[in-house]
Protein backbone atom coordinates (compact mmCIF):
# COMPACT_ATOMS: atom_id res chain seq x y z
CA MET A 1 -15.58 2.30 3.04
CA HIS A 2 -13.15 2.23 5.96
CA PRO A 3 -9.89 4.08 5.10
CA VAL A 4 -7.69 1.22 6.32
CA VAL A 5 -9.48 -1.23 4.01
CA VAL A 6 -9.15 1.14 1.03
CA TYR A 7 -5.45 1.68 1.69
CA THR A 8 -4.74 -2.03 2.16
CA LEU A 9 -6.61 -3.02 -0.99
CA SER A 10 -4.83 -0.27 -2.92
CA ARG A 11 -1.44 -1.53 -1.72
CA LEU A 12 -2.34 -5.10 -2.69
CA GLY A 13 -3.52 -3.89 -6.10
CA LEU A 14 -0.28 -2.04 -6.73
CA PHE A 15 1.67 -5.14 -5.72
CA ALA A 16 -0.37 -7.30 -8.10
CA VAL A 17 0.18 -4.87 -10.97
CA ALA A 18 3.92 -4.65 -10.29
CA LEU A 19 4.14 -8.43 -10.04
CA GLY A 20 2.29 -8.88 -13.32
CA VAL A 21 4.36 -6.34 -15.22
CA LEU A 22 7.66 -7.69 -13.91
CA TYR A 23 6.56 -11.24 -14.75
CA LEU A 24 5.79 -10.17 -18.30
CA VAL A 25 9.21 -8.53 -18.52
CA GLY A 26 10.77 -11.90 -17.77
CA LEU A 27 11.61 -11.92 -14.07
CA ARG A 28 10.90 -15.11 -12.14
CA SER A 29 11.13 -16.51 -8.62
CA LEU A 30 12.69 -14.56 -5.74
CA PRO A 31 13.97 -11.58 -7.77
CA LEU A 32 10.43 -11.14 -9.11
CA LEU A 33 8.93 -10.99 -5.62
CA LEU A 34 11.61 -8.73 -4.18
CA LEU A 35 11.48 -6.26 -7.02
CA ALA A 36 7.65 -6.28 -7.00
CA VAL A 37 7.67 -5.41 -3.28
CA LEU A 38 10.17 -2.60 -3.88
CA VAL A 39 8.34 -1.17 -6.92
CA SER A 40 4.90 -1.37 -5.31
CA GLY A 41 6.22 0.21 -2.11
CA LEU A 42 7.70 3.15 -3.99
CA ALA A 43 4.56 3.52 -6.11
CA SER A 44 2.31 3.46 -3.05
CA TYR A 45 4.44 6.12 -1.36
CA VAL A 46 3.86 8.42 -4.32
CA LEU A 47 0.35 7.43 -5.42
CA LEU A 48 -1.45 6.70 -2.15
CA THR A 49 -0.76 9.89 -0.19
CA LYS A 50 -4.45 10.75 0.25
CA GLN A 51 -5.33 7.25 1.43
CA ARG A 52 -2.38 7.18 3.85
CA ASP A 53 -3.43 10.55 5.28
CA ALA A 54 -7.01 9.31 5.69
CA VAL A 55 -5.77 6.27 7.63
CA SER A 56 -3.62 8.49 9.81
CA GLU A 57 -6.55 10.80 10.54
CA ARG A 58 -8.78 7.85 11.39
CA ILE A 59 -6.22 6.44 13.83
CA ALA A 60 -5.56 9.84 15.41
CA GLY A 61 -9.30 10.45 15.77
CA LYS A 62 -9.81 7.10 17.49
CA ARG A 63 -6.94 7.83 19.86
CA ARG A 64 -8.43 11.21 20.73
CA GLU A 65 -11.83 9.60 21.39
CA THR A 66 -10.37 7.10 23.81
CA GLY A 67 -8.22 9.73 25.54
CA LYS A 68 -4.86 8.21 24.69
CA ASN A 69 -1.89 10.39 23.75
């Protein structure tokens, strides 16, 4: 599967999990969404390193193929 798709779906999955857990804890409305974005962003930074590197390599490879710097 394309690395960008894998990374995007992984990020969305982490957001959904964070949203669900925070909802079960009792958060609602705007604080729920803001905290879910923050938690999922931090989790993805730690947990999705390999996927992020794969996306970076894919983009760099495409740029090399087209001759752009």
